[in-house]
Amino acid sequence: MKRTVILAALMMALASTLIGWMPSNVVRSSASERAFTPAALPQSQPPGPIRLIPGLVSLTFWERTGSSPVDNTFSVNSPQLEARLSTLDFASRDFTGASLEFYDVFYSGADGSANRDGAYVTIEAIWNLALPNGGGLNIAEVQLNFAPGDPTVFGNVVTSFVGLGDNFAPGSVPNAVDGNLQSHTTMGNTVGQSQRLRITIGFPPPPPGCRYSISPTSQTFTANGGTGAVDVLVPSGCDWGALVADSDTNHLPLVQLASNDRRSGSGTVSYSVTPVTEDDTATRSATIEIRAFPLFNVVQRFVVTREAFACPASAYSIHPSNVVVEGDSDGGLLSFQVTAPPGCSWTANTREPWITLPSGQGSGSGSGRVFFTVLDNPGSWRGGLISVGGKLFTVYQNDTACPQAFVCGLFPIACGSGTLVTSRRFRDNRLARSVRGQRYTQLYYKFSTEAVGLMILSPSLVLRSRDILERYKPVIDKMANGEPVTLTQGDVEDIDSFLDAFASRGSTELRETLKSLSEDLRDPRVLTEFNITITDGPKRQARAQGPVQTVVQTSIMIAPIGLLLFSLYRIRLRRNKKLQ
């Protein structure tokens, strides 16, 4: 599980990849600790308990720690919803967002007080990381789920909330009820707090007997546009209307409705799709929202897609897909190939300030090359994107003061043949491809200096690291290549023992993080993400290790020499930071 991922990142630092996760929406606040309570908000709620709403099957809490929202669904009568947890931690939680971010959900009153017969739901969370980490309690939406074929209902009102700490973003609170799964709340942190992060949400009352359905559910048009219609099926007496949601405000509207009058009972929505224009040739999508009265809440969505003119996204390709640049880049011109049909134009873009697209070198028509330059890296390993033709080219840049290169130079026996190359390949080809993997790499650079110091002061860790690296290098090779790997329970225990050897000598923060890692190593989602299988059996046999005895006999000499070189390494790090 995550033990193997941590081992892989340990091969980059020989000791210091830890588990963790930074929520995506990081917003700074001027206060280090604040609690907020909203003023009275307009609302319209069911007259009775949520759990007694006719036809209600379950509730889904969309949590968005990563790049995509994750659904956490509970049946309407689940015990999780009917009571508030007195203790909220790894052993007592309803679901987990990031590592160490634990959630509790329950029926409640408008003020967030637990109430099995409440007309609201409350989400509470603990998150013990302040800036520069992002804030916790990242809820995108909460929805009511009815029988198959019936519409879902999103929450539409926040009645109370508590945000705390320096990474609380007050402006994100409405994101929990905006109907958009791509936005979310950022409620801060609970460092040093006696209370939890909290948000309480209410729902529009579904009209009695009003269940909306549409046919078809989507339609795709060519670049020439056209006209279409969608049938809305609803019992007589149920009122509704249609509205177009189009995020592209830089061009002509993609979809225009023949009428947006208020309707009652079943009906048809007719619409037209705008053809491509000279400045609007890309593939576009818009949504026709069916909204119920009186609250005008969304009950169905119909997606309209218009293909690009003779240049669909599938027609573009790039080669290669990524490049690794050393930290002390000389600013030379780099490039990659774009392949596209004749007449299909493209423009390269990047949001990274350290990647520069020279004027006239980042656009073209048909096949061509994108040229770019990269600035020197004054900090830790980083990655950035260049987008072109709907494809993403990734630029990875090494740290100018790589701690693993330092350790391998000081203790060659600890690294073995090809270890530095293998670990960088694992970092760039595997970890860099996911948000979780990027977080592992960030934590490696955060704790690598401490790990180097521990190895120098404890030469026995050098020998232990050599044994671990030799034993599991084939596993990391396979993971770097995207191949499935199998570990035994003996392997897992061996890796745990190795991590404990560092934790016992490390700082409080290192020990606590490793402790939380051990608790988080049982996440099946990580097994799936990294294609790992755990089986019964002893740990694998180590390969031939070479002249280990020589290191044992001379270990008393390694420490003073290592301390001297480590001091020079720290001076170099401080110098780099001053240059930032």
Protein backbone atom coordinates (compact mmCIF):
# COMPACT_ATOMS: atom_id res chain seq x y z
CA MET A 1 0.00 0.00 0.00
CA LYS A 2 1.32 3.48 0.83
CA ARG A 3 4.26 1.69 2.48
CA THR A 4 5.54 0.91 -1.00
CA VAL A 5 4.97 4.47 -2.20
CA ILE A 6 6.86 5.79 0.81
CA LEU A 7 9.67 3.30 0.16
CA ALA A 8 9.89 4.55 -3.39
CA ALA A 9 10.21 8.16 -2.33
CA LEU A 10 12.64 7.12 0.43
CA MET A 11 14.88 5.91 -2.37
CA MET A 12 15.11 9.55 -3.40
CA ALA A 13 16.11 10.73 0.08
CA LEU A 14 16.98 7.36 1.72
CA ALA A 15 14.64 8.10 4.56
CA SER A 16 12.14 10.87 4.28
CA THR A 17 9.04 10.56 2.15
CA LEU A 18 5.92 10.96 4.24
CA ILE A 19 2.24 10.77 3.62
CA GLY A 20 0.13 13.91 3.34
CA TRP A 21 -2.07 15.98 1.16
CA MET A 22 -2.64 19.65 0.54
CA PRO A 23 -6.19 20.69 -0.34
CA SER A 24 -6.23 22.49 -3.63
CA ASN A 25 -7.73 25.91 -2.81
CA VAL A 26 -5.09 27.64 -0.69
CA VAL A 27 -6.20 31.11 0.43
CA ARG A 28 -4.26 33.26 2.86
CA SER A 29 -6.02 35.03 5.70
CA SER A 30 -4.78 37.94 7.75
CA ALA A 31 -5.79 36.32 11.02
CA SER A 32 -4.27 33.15 12.40
CA GLU A 33 -7.46 32.01 14.07
CA ARG A 34 -11.02 33.19 13.52
CA ALA A 35 -14.52 31.82 13.89
CA PHE A 36 -17.28 33.00 11.59
CA THR A 37 -21.04 32.72 11.83
CA PRO A 38 -23.21 34.00 8.96
CA ALA A 39 -26.09 36.37 9.27
CA ALA A 40 -29.57 35.04 8.70
CA LEU A 41 -29.85 33.64 5.19
CA PRO A 42 -33.00 33.26 3.11
CA GLN A 43 -34.12 29.68 2.98
CA SER A 44 -37.01 27.35 2.34
CA GLN A 45 -36.85 23.96 4.00
CA PRO A 46 -38.84 20.74 4.09
CA PRO A 47 -41.45 20.90 6.85
CA GLY A 48 -40.15 17.74 8.50
CA PRO A 49 -37.02 15.64 8.95
CA ILE A 50 -34.82 15.03 5.93
CA ARG A 51 -34.83 11.30 6.61
CA LEU A 52 -38.64 11.25 6.15
CA ILE A 53 -38.70 12.98 2.74
CA PRO A 54 -40.77 10.68 0.48
CA GLY A 55 -38.68 8.68 -1.96
CA LEU A 56 -35.33 9.76 -0.50
CA VAL A 57 -32.81 6.91 -0.79
CA SER A 58 -29.44 8.34 0.22
CA LEU A 59 -27.31 11.46 0.67
CA THR A 60 -24.01 12.10 -1.12
CA PHE A 61 -21.30 14.36 0.27
CA TRP A 62 -18.97 15.47 -2.53
CA GLU A 63 -15.52 16.04 -1.02
CA ARG A 64 -12.91 17.70 -3.23
CA THR A 65 -9.45 17.38 -1.71
CA GLY A 66 -7.92 16.31 -5.03
CA SER A 67 -8.39 17.38 -8.63
CA SER A 68 -11.74 15.59 -8.88
CA PRO A 69 -14.64 15.44 -6.41
CA VAL A 70 -15.08 12.17 -4.48
CA ASP A 71 -18.56 10.98 -3.55
CA ASN A 72 -19.25 9.71 -0.04
CA THR A 73 -22.77 8.30 0.00
CA PHE A 74 -24.83 7.19 3.02
CA SER A 75 -28.27 5.63 3.04
CA VAL A 76 -31.01 7.81 4.43
CA ASN A 77 -31.20 5.77 7.66
CA SER A 78 -27.49 5.10 8.09
CA PRO A 79 -26.16 5.34 11.67
CA GLN A 80 -23.50 7.83 10.50
CA LEU A 81 -26.18 10.40 9.71
CA GLU A 82 -28.26 9.86 12.83
CA ALA A 83 -25.63 10.82 15.42
CA ARG A 84 -22.67 13.14 15.88
CA LEU A 85 -19.34 11.50 16.73
CA SER A 86 -18.09 12.52 20.16
CA THR A 87 -14.50 11.87 19.04
CA LEU A 88 -13.27 12.65 15.54
CA ASP A 89 -10.01 10.94 14.52
CA PHE A 90 -8.69 8.08 12.37
CA ALA A 91 -10.44 5.44 14.47
CA SER A 92 -13.71 7.36 14.66
CA ARG A 93 -14.80 9.08 11.44
CA ASP A 94 -17.43 8.90 8.73
CA PHE A 95 -14.99 9.40 5.87
CA THR A 96 -11.52 10.76 5.12
CA GLY A 97 -10.50 13.56 2.76
CA ALA A 98 -6.77 14.11 2.85
CA SER A 99 -4.52 12.19 5.17
CA LEU A 100 -5.31 13.43 8.71
CA GLU A 101 -8.50 15.16 7.44
CA PHE A 102 -11.41 13.38 9.10
CA TYR A 103 -15.11 14.10 8.51
CA ASP A 104 -18.29 13.61 10.51
CA VAL A 105 -21.73 14.09 8.89
CA PHE A 106 -25.12 14.10 10.61
CA TYR A 107 -28.67 15.42 10.53
CA SER A 108 -29.00 18.67 12.45
CA GLY A 109 -30.79 21.89 13.13
CA ALA A 110 -29.98 25.10 11.28
CA ASP A 111 -27.35 25.97 13.90
CA GLY A 112 -25.44 22.71 13.38
CA SER A 113 -26.64 21.00 16.54
CA ALA A 114 -27.12 17.25 16.03
CA ASN A 115 -30.77 16.27 15.58
CA ARG A 116 -31.88 12.96 14.10
CA ASP A 117 -35.12 14.60 12.97
CA GLY A 118 -33.43 17.75 11.69
CA ALA A 119 -34.20 19.39 8.35
CA TYR A 120 -30.51 20.11 7.67
CA VAL A 121 -27.21 18.26 7.41
CA THR A 122 -23.98 19.31 9.09
CA ILE A 123 -20.46 18.45 8.01
CA GLU A 124 -17.68 18.74 10.59
CA ALA A 125 -13.96 18.10 10.10
CA ILE A 126 -10.59 18.33 11.78
CA TRP A 127 -7.45 19.33 9.86
CA ASN A 128 -4.29 19.98 11.83
CA LEU A 129 -2.15 21.73 9.21
CA ALA A 130 -1.86 25.52 8.96
CA LEU A 131 -0.29 27.62 6.20
CA PRO A 132 1.47 26.99 3.88
CA ASN A 133 -0.87 23.99 3.65
CA GLY A 134 -4.33 24.53 2.23
CA GLY A 135 -7.41 24.69 4.41
CA GLY A 136 -9.48 21.64 5.28
CA LEU A 137 -13.18 20.75 5.05
CA ASN A 138 -13.40 20.85 1.26
CA ILE A 139 -17.05 20.20 0.41
CA ALA A 140 -18.15 20.72 -3.21
CA GLU A 141 -21.85 19.84 -2.85
CA VAL A 142 -24.31 17.79 -0.81
CA GLN A 143 -27.13 16.09 -2.70
CA LEU A 144 -30.29 14.13 -2.00
CA ASN A 145 -30.67 10.95 -4.08
CA PHE A 146 -34.06 9.51 -4.95
CA ALA A 147 -35.10 6.38 -6.83
CA PRO A 148 -33.31 5.48 -10.09
CA GLY A 149 -34.50 7.75 -12.87
CA ASP A 150 -35.56 10.48 -10.50
CA PRO A 151 -33.51 13.70 -10.25
CA THR A 152 -31.10 14.47 -7.46
CA VAL A 153 -31.39 17.65 -5.40
CA PHE A 154 -28.41 19.73 -4.34
CA GLY A 155 -28.27 21.71 -1.12
CA ASN A 156 -29.22 25.34 -1.73
CA VAL A 157 -28.52 27.23 1.49
CA VAL A 158 -25.78 27.52 4.13
CA THR A 159 -27.39 28.28 7.47
CA SER A 160 -24.30 28.34 9.69
CA PHE A 161 -20.60 27.56 9.59
CA VAL A 162 -17.35 27.74 11.53
CA GLY A 163 -14.08 28.56 9.79
CA LEU A 164 -10.79 28.67 11.70
CA GLY A 165 -7.12 29.39 11.24
CA ASP A 166 -4.90 31.20 8.77
CA ASN A 167 -5.89 29.09 5.75
CA PHE A 168 -9.66 29.66 6.03
CA ALA A 169 -11.16 31.23 2.87
CA PRO A 170 -14.45 32.97 3.84
CA GLY A 171 -15.35 33.57 0.20
CA SER A 172 -15.42 29.83 -0.47
CA VAL A 173 -18.40 29.11 1.82
CA PRO A 174 -21.07 29.55 -0.92
CA ASN A 175 -19.26 26.95 -3.04
CA ALA A 176 -20.99 24.23 -1.00
CA VAL A 177 -24.36 25.22 -2.49
CA ASP A 178 -23.53 26.63 -5.94
CA GLY A 179 -24.40 23.43 -7.84
CA ASN A 180 -20.86 23.13 -9.18
CA LEU A 181 -18.82 20.03 -8.31
CA GLN A 182 -15.62 21.76 -9.46
CA SER A 183 -15.66 24.33 -6.64
CA HIS A 184 -15.45 23.66 -2.92
CA THR A 185 -15.19 25.20 0.53
CA THR A 186 -11.88 25.88 2.26
CA MET A 187 -12.75 26.15 5.97
CA GLY A 188 -9.25 26.39 7.51
CA ASN A 189 -7.59 24.30 10.20
CA THR A 190 -8.07 23.13 13.80
CA VAL A 191 -4.51 23.62 15.02
CA GLY A 192 -4.73 24.45 18.74
CA GLN A 193 -8.54 24.61 18.56
CA SER A 194 -11.12 23.04 20.84
CA GLN A 195 -13.85 23.13 18.19
CA ARG A 196 -14.17 21.60 14.73
CA LEU A 197 -14.52 23.11 11.28
CA ARG A 198 -18.22 23.04 10.37
CA ILE A 199 -20.78 23.90 7.71
CA THR A 200 -24.56 23.33 7.86
CA ILE A 201 -26.61 22.99 4.67
CA GLY A 202 -30.31 22.97 3.84
CA PHE A 203 -32.26 21.82 0.77
CA PRO A 204 -35.20 23.06 -1.29
CA PRO A 205 -38.39 21.14 -0.65
CA PRO A 206 -39.13 18.85 -3.61
CA PRO A 207 -42.72 19.55 -4.70
CA PRO A 208 -44.97 16.63 -3.77
CA GLY A 209 -45.10 14.17 -6.61
CA CYS A 210 -42.82 16.24 -8.89
CA ARG A 211 -40.16 14.00 -10.37
CA TYR A 212 -38.37 15.35 -13.47
CA SER A 213 -36.76 13.36 -16.28
CA ILE A 214 -35.41 14.32 -19.71
CA SER A 215 -34.88 12.56 -23.04
CA PRO A 216 -32.28 12.49 -24.44
CA THR A 217 -29.69 13.54 -21.84
CA SER A 218 -27.08 14.98 -24.26
CA GLN A 219 -26.48 15.84 -27.91
CA THR A 220 -23.33 16.39 -30.00
CA PHE A 221 -23.28 18.62 -33.11
CA THR A 222 -20.72 19.07 -35.87
CA ALA A 223 -18.82 22.31 -36.34
CA ASN A 224 -21.74 23.58 -38.44
CA GLY A 225 -24.05 23.74 -35.41
CA GLY A 226 -27.77 23.11 -35.88
CA THR A 227 -31.03 22.80 -33.95
CA GLY A 228 -32.35 20.28 -31.46
CA ALA A 229 -34.90 19.58 -28.77
CA VAL A 230 -35.09 17.87 -25.40
CA ASP A 231 -38.29 16.48 -23.89
CA VAL A 232 -39.02 17.19 -20.24
CA LEU A 233 -41.31 14.67 -18.56
CA VAL A 234 -43.03 15.77 -15.35
CA PRO A 235 -46.49 15.28 -13.77
CA SER A 236 -49.16 17.86 -14.38
CA GLY A 237 -49.04 20.83 -12.03
CA CYS A 238 -45.25 20.79 -11.62
CA ASP A 239 -43.76 24.07 -12.85
CA TRP A 240 -40.32 24.45 -14.39
CA GLY A 241 -38.16 26.54 -16.71
CA ALA A 242 -34.97 26.20 -18.75
CA LEU A 243 -31.71 28.14 -18.56
CA VAL A 244 -28.39 27.84 -20.47
CA ALA A 245 -25.14 27.58 -18.46
CA ASP A 246 -22.10 28.42 -20.61
CA SER A 247 -18.74 29.11 -18.96
CA ASP A 248 -17.26 30.63 -22.15
CA THR A 249 -17.99 34.36 -22.09
CA ASN A 250 -15.36 35.30 -24.70
CA HIS A 251 -17.37 34.15 -27.73
CA LEU A 252 -20.92 34.08 -28.99
CA PRO A 253 -23.28 31.98 -26.85
CA LEU A 254 -23.06 28.34 -27.92
CA VAL A 255 -26.74 27.53 -27.24
CA GLN A 256 -29.81 29.73 -27.61
CA LEU A 257 -33.27 28.67 -26.41
CA ALA A 258 -36.33 29.19 -28.57
CA SER A 259 -38.17 30.13 -25.36
CA ASN A 260 -37.38 30.26 -21.68
CA ASP A 261 -40.95 30.75 -20.47
CA ARG A 262 -42.21 29.11 -17.31
CA ARG A 263 -43.86 25.76 -18.09
CA SER A 264 -46.22 23.45 -16.23
CA GLY A 265 -46.30 19.69 -16.78
CA SER A 266 -44.41 17.92 -19.56
CA GLY A 267 -43.02 19.93 -22.47
CA THR A 268 -40.23 20.34 -25.00
CA VAL A 269 -37.27 22.70 -24.97
CA SER A 270 -36.14 23.69 -28.47
CA TYR A 271 -32.71 25.21 -29.02
CA SER A 272 -30.14 26.18 -31.64
CA VAL A 273 -26.36 25.68 -31.64
CA THR A 274 -24.04 28.40 -32.99
CA PRO A 275 -21.62 27.22 -35.71
CA VAL A 276 -17.89 27.78 -35.40
CA THR A 277 -16.52 31.20 -36.29
CA GLU A 278 -13.06 32.40 -37.23
CA ASP A 279 -12.19 33.18 -33.59
CA ASP A 280 -14.14 30.27 -32.09
CA THR A 281 -12.95 26.99 -33.62
CA ALA A 282 -12.42 24.83 -30.54
CA THR A 283 -14.70 22.12 -29.21
CA ARG A 284 -17.22 23.67 -26.79
CA SER A 285 -19.90 22.44 -24.42
CA ALA A 286 -22.81 24.13 -22.67
CA THR A 287 -25.59 22.87 -20.40
CA ILE A 288 -29.33 23.40 -20.59
CA GLU A 289 -30.51 23.35 -16.98
CA ILE A 290 -34.06 22.31 -16.17
CA ARG A 291 -35.05 24.21 -13.03
CA ALA A 292 -38.05 23.63 -10.80
CA PHE A 293 -40.25 26.39 -9.38
CA PRO A 294 -40.67 28.10 -6.97
CA LEU A 295 -37.00 27.95 -5.88
CA PHE A 296 -35.70 27.48 -9.44
CA ASN A 297 -33.31 24.78 -8.31
CA VAL A 298 -31.63 22.56 -10.93
CA VAL A 299 -33.39 19.20 -11.32
CA GLN A 300 -31.92 17.98 -14.63
CA ARG A 301 -29.01 18.89 -16.93
CA PHE A 302 -28.83 18.44 -20.70
CA VAL A 303 -25.32 18.72 -22.21
CA VAL A 304 -24.80 20.17 -25.70
CA THR A 305 -21.39 19.70 -27.38
CA ARG A 306 -20.18 21.28 -30.62
CA GLU A 307 -17.13 19.77 -32.28
CA ALA A 308 -14.28 21.88 -33.61
CA PHE A 309 -14.13 22.66 -37.31
CA ALA A 310 -12.09 19.89 -38.98
CA CYS A 311 -9.73 20.00 -36.02
CA PRO A 312 -11.07 17.85 -33.16
CA ALA A 313 -8.94 17.53 -30.05
CA SER A 314 -8.07 13.98 -31.09
CA ALA A 315 -6.31 15.35 -34.18
CA TYR A 316 -3.57 16.97 -32.10
CA SER A 317 -0.64 15.11 -30.57
CA ILE A 318 2.70 16.05 -28.98
CA HIS A 319 6.03 14.28 -28.65
CA PRO A 320 7.57 13.77 -26.22
CA SER A 321 5.07 14.32 -23.42
CA ASN A 322 7.58 15.59 -20.85
CA VAL A 323 11.16 16.66 -20.23
CA VAL A 324 13.41 16.69 -17.14
CA VAL A 325 15.66 19.77 -16.77
CA GLU A 326 18.49 20.18 -14.30
CA GLY A 327 18.12 22.84 -11.61
CA ASP A 328 20.99 24.99 -12.85
CA SER A 329 19.51 25.45 -16.32
CA ASP A 330 21.55 27.66 -18.61
CA GLY A 331 18.41 29.19 -20.16
CA GLY A 332 18.90 27.35 -23.45
CA LEU A 333 16.04 26.94 -25.89
CA LEU A 334 14.06 23.69 -25.47
CA SER A 335 11.28 22.36 -27.67
CA PHE A 336 8.77 19.60 -28.37
CA GLN A 337 6.88 18.52 -31.48
CA VAL A 338 3.20 19.30 -32.20
CA THR A 339 1.47 17.22 -34.87
CA ALA A 340 -1.83 18.49 -36.34
CA PRO A 341 -3.69 18.35 -39.68
CA PRO A 342 -2.97 21.13 -42.19
CA GLY A 343 -4.92 24.28 -41.37
CA CYS A 344 -5.47 23.36 -37.71
CA SER A 345 -4.00 26.18 -35.65
CA TRP A 346 -2.68 25.92 -32.11
CA THR A 347 -1.26 28.18 -29.41
CA ALA A 348 0.88 27.10 -26.47
CA ASN A 349 0.17 28.52 -23.02
CA THR A 350 1.66 28.16 -19.56
CA ARG A 351 0.87 29.65 -16.16
CA GLU A 352 4.30 28.90 -14.73
CA PRO A 353 6.43 32.05 -14.20
CA TRP A 354 9.63 30.00 -14.53
CA ILE A 355 8.70 28.67 -18.00
CA THR A 356 8.95 31.22 -20.80
CA LEU A 357 7.48 30.97 -24.30
CA PRO A 358 9.51 33.34 -26.52
CA SER A 359 7.50 35.65 -28.74
CA GLY A 360 6.56 33.98 -32.01
CA GLN A 361 7.77 30.56 -30.85
CA GLY A 362 4.59 29.26 -29.17
CA SER A 363 1.98 29.12 -31.93
CA GLY A 364 1.50 27.71 -35.39
CA SER A 365 -0.74 25.92 -37.85
CA GLY A 366 -0.47 22.28 -38.81
CA SER A 367 2.58 20.41 -37.50
CA GLY A 368 5.39 22.38 -35.88
CA ARG A 369 7.47 22.84 -32.73
CA VAL A 370 6.89 24.71 -29.47
CA PHE A 371 10.01 26.41 -28.11
CA PHE A 372 10.49 27.42 -24.48
CA THR A 373 13.12 28.25 -21.87
CA VAL A 374 13.38 27.39 -18.17
CA LEU A 375 14.82 29.59 -15.41
CA ASP A 376 17.26 28.29 -12.80
CA ASN A 377 15.56 26.53 -9.88
CA PRO A 378 16.37 28.28 -6.56
CA GLY A 379 14.18 25.93 -4.50
CA SER A 380 13.05 22.31 -4.46
CA TRP A 381 12.02 19.99 -7.30
CA ARG A 382 9.10 21.34 -9.31
CA GLY A 383 6.90 20.58 -12.26
CA GLY A 384 4.94 22.78 -14.67
CA LEU A 385 2.64 22.41 -17.67
CA ILE A 386 2.51 23.78 -21.20
CA SER A 387 -0.87 23.27 -22.86
CA VAL A 388 -1.29 23.13 -26.64
CA GLY A 389 -4.06 21.69 -28.79
CA GLY A 390 -5.79 20.20 -25.76
CA LYS A 391 -2.64 18.26 -24.83
CA LEU A 392 -0.36 18.84 -21.84
CA PHE A 393 3.45 18.85 -21.97
CA THR A 394 5.09 18.52 -18.53
CA VAL A 395 8.36 20.20 -17.56
CA TYR A 396 10.11 18.72 -14.51
CA GLN A 397 13.07 20.52 -12.96
CA ASN A 398 15.50 19.06 -10.43
CA ASP A 399 16.71 20.81 -7.29
CA THR A 400 20.15 22.41 -7.56
CA ALA A 401 20.97 20.99 -4.11
CA CYS A 402 19.60 17.45 -4.45
CA PRO A 403 19.93 15.76 -1.03
CA GLN A 404 20.07 12.29 -2.55
CA ALA A 405 22.95 13.25 -4.84
CA PHE A 406 24.74 14.56 -1.74
CA VAL A 407 24.16 11.33 0.19
CA CYS A 408 25.14 9.10 -2.73
CA GLY A 409 28.35 11.09 -3.13
CA LEU A 410 29.18 10.79 0.57
CA PHE A 411 28.09 7.16 1.00
CA PRO A 412 28.28 5.40 -2.40
CA ILE A 413 27.67 2.03 -0.74
CA ALA A 414 24.27 3.29 0.50
CA CYS A 415 23.02 3.94 -3.00
CA GLY A 416 24.12 1.03 -5.12
CA SER A 417 24.22 0.90 -8.88
CA GLY A 418 21.75 3.15 -10.67
CA THR A 419 19.78 4.12 -7.54
CA LEU A 420 19.82 7.87 -8.22
CA VAL A 421 18.70 7.30 -11.82
CA THR A 422 15.99 4.84 -10.74
CA SER A 423 14.58 7.12 -8.05
CA ARG A 424 14.46 10.13 -10.35
CA ARG A 425 12.77 8.03 -13.02
CA PHE A 426 10.19 6.88 -10.46
CA ARG A 427 9.66 10.48 -9.37
CA ASP A 428 9.27 11.88 -12.90
CA ASN A 429 7.47 8.96 -14.59
CA ARG A 430 5.20 7.83 -11.77
CA LEU A 431 4.87 10.18 -8.78
CA ALA A 432 4.68 13.33 -10.91
CA ARG A 433 1.64 11.98 -12.79
CA SER A 434 -0.76 12.23 -9.83
CA VAL A 435 -1.56 14.84 -7.22
CA ARG A 436 -0.91 12.31 -4.46
CA GLY A 437 2.49 11.44 -5.93
CA GLN A 438 3.46 15.10 -6.28
CA ARG A 439 2.67 15.55 -2.60
CA TYR A 440 5.03 12.70 -1.70
CA THR A 441 7.78 14.43 -3.63
CA GLN A 442 7.11 17.78 -1.93
CA LEU A 443 7.35 16.14 1.47
CA TYR A 444 10.60 14.46 0.48
CA TYR A 445 12.20 17.85 -0.05
CA LYS A 446 10.67 19.18 3.15
CA PHE A 447 12.23 16.46 5.35
CA SER A 448 15.27 15.47 3.32
CA THR A 449 17.72 17.67 5.24
CA GLU A 450 16.70 16.08 8.53
CA ALA A 451 17.00 12.60 6.98
CA VAL A 452 20.52 13.31 5.74
CA GLY A 453 21.54 14.46 9.21
CA LEU A 454 20.11 11.34 10.82
CA MET A 455 22.09 9.11 8.48
CA ILE A 456 25.35 10.95 9.12
CA LEU A 457 24.93 10.80 12.90
CA SER A 458 23.81 7.16 12.76
CA PRO A 459 26.01 5.24 10.27
CA SER A 460 24.02 2.11 10.96
CA LEU A 461 21.17 3.72 9.04
CA VAL A 462 23.46 3.82 6.01
CA LEU A 463 23.80 0.04 6.14
CA ARG A 464 20.09 -0.41 6.75
CA SER A 465 19.30 1.89 3.81
CA ARG A 466 21.65 -0.08 1.56
CA ASP A 467 19.87 -3.30 2.47
CA ILE A 468 16.42 -1.79 1.82
CA LEU A 469 17.48 -0.23 -1.47
CA GLU A 470 19.02 -3.42 -2.80
CA ARG A 471 16.09 -5.52 -1.63
CA TYR A 472 13.31 -3.39 -3.17
CA LYS A 473 14.98 -1.77 -6.18
CA PRO A 474 13.25 -4.26 -8.58
CA VAL A 475 9.89 -3.18 -7.10
CA ILE A 476 10.60 0.48 -7.75
CA ASP A 477 11.81 -0.32 -11.27
CA LYS A 478 8.48 -1.96 -12.02
CA MET A 479 6.46 0.88 -10.49
CA ALA A 480 8.46 3.45 -12.50
CA ASN A 481 7.51 1.50 -15.63
CA GLY A 482 3.84 1.43 -14.63
CA GLU A 483 3.87 -2.33 -14.10
CA PRO A 484 1.87 -4.10 -11.37
CA VAL A 485 3.85 -5.13 -8.28
CA THR A 486 3.27 -7.63 -5.47
CA LEU A 487 4.49 -7.27 -1.89
CA THR A 488 4.24 -9.80 0.90
CA GLN A 489 3.18 -9.09 4.46
CA GLY A 490 6.83 -9.74 5.36
CA ASP A 491 7.87 -6.99 2.96
CA VAL A 492 5.38 -4.61 4.53
CA GLU A 493 6.69 -5.34 8.03
CA ASP A 494 10.28 -4.89 6.80
CA ILE A 495 9.42 -1.45 5.37
CA ASP A 496 7.60 -0.49 8.57
CA SER A 497 10.64 -1.45 10.63
CA PHE A 498 12.86 0.69 8.40
CA LEU A 499 10.58 3.71 8.80
CA ASP A 500 10.51 3.18 12.57
CA ALA A 501 14.31 3.31 12.63
CA PHE A 502 14.15 6.87 11.31
CA ALA A 503 11.12 7.87 13.37
CA SER A 504 12.86 6.87 16.62
CA ARG A 505 15.70 9.29 15.85
CA GLY A 506 13.74 12.07 14.17
CA SER A 507 12.06 15.27 15.27
CA THR A 508 8.60 15.41 16.80
CA GLU A 509 7.12 16.47 13.48
CA LEU A 510 8.82 13.60 11.65
CA ARG A 511 7.69 11.07 14.28
CA GLU A 512 4.10 12.32 14.25
CA THR A 513 3.93 12.31 10.48
CA LEU A 514 5.29 8.77 10.29
CA LYS A 515 2.84 7.71 12.96
CA SER A 516 -0.06 9.12 10.97
CA LEU A 517 1.37 7.43 7.89
CA SER A 518 1.23 4.04 9.58
CA GLU A 519 -2.43 4.66 10.30
CA ASP A 520 -3.08 5.71 6.71
CA LEU A 521 -1.27 2.80 5.07
CA ARG A 522 -4.46 0.76 4.79
CA ASP A 523 -6.20 2.84 2.15
CA PRO A 524 -7.33 0.56 -0.74
CA ARG A 525 -7.49 3.58 -3.05
CA VAL A 526 -3.70 3.84 -2.91
CA LEU A 527 -3.30 0.16 -3.77
CA THR A 528 -5.41 0.74 -6.87
CA GLU A 529 -3.67 3.97 -7.85
CA PHE A 530 -0.19 2.42 -7.74
CA ASN A 531 -1.25 -1.06 -8.94
CA ILE A 532 -0.03 -2.87 -5.80
CA THR A 533 -1.11 -6.27 -4.48
CA ILE A 534 -0.39 -7.47 -0.92
CA THR A 535 -0.08 -11.23 -0.28
CA ASP A 536 0.92 -13.43 2.65
CA GLY A 537 4.53 -14.53 2.94
CA PRO A 538 7.97 -13.64 4.30
CA LYS A 539 10.02 -10.66 3.15
CA ARG A 540 11.94 -11.05 -0.07
CA GLN A 541 15.58 -12.08 -0.11
CA ALA A 542 18.20 -9.38 -0.44
CA ARG A 543 20.61 -9.35 -3.34
CA ALA A 544 24.38 -9.48 -2.84
CA GLN A 545 25.38 -6.41 -0.89
CA GLY A 546 29.14 -6.06 -1.44
CA PRO A 547 31.68 -4.89 1.17
CA VAL A 548 29.29 -4.04 3.98
CA GLN A 549 31.78 -5.19 6.61
CA THR A 550 34.21 -2.48 5.48
CA VAL A 551 31.63 0.17 6.27
CA VAL A 552 30.94 -1.38 9.67
CA GLN A 553 34.63 -1.27 10.55
CA THR A 554 35.07 2.33 9.40
CA SER A 555 31.73 3.74 10.54
CA ILE A 556 33.40 5.58 13.40
CA MET A 557 35.24 7.65 10.76
CA ILE A 558 32.15 8.38 8.65
CA ALA A 559 30.40 10.54 11.22
CA PRO A 560 33.01 13.35 11.60
CA ILE A 561 33.66 13.51 7.85
CA GLY A 562 29.95 13.42 7.17
CA LEU A 563 29.25 16.19 9.69
CA LEU A 564 31.73 18.45 7.93
CA LEU A 565 30.24 17.82 4.49
CA PHE A 566 26.72 18.08 5.89
CA SER A 567 27.55 21.54 7.25
CA LEU A 568 28.70 22.57 3.77
CA TYR A 569 25.45 21.15 2.38
CA ARG A 570 23.38 23.22 4.83
CA ILE A 571 25.35 26.36 3.91
CA ARG A 572 24.55 25.69 0.27
CA LEU A 573 20.85 25.33 1.04
CA ARG A 574 20.82 28.62 2.96
CA ARG A 575 22.61 30.36 0.10
CA ASN A 576 20.02 29.07 -2.38
CA LYS A 577 17.17 30.28 -0.20
CA LYS A 578 18.70 33.78 -0.01
CA LEU A 579 18.76 33.89 -3.80
CA GLN A 580 15.02 33.16 -4.05
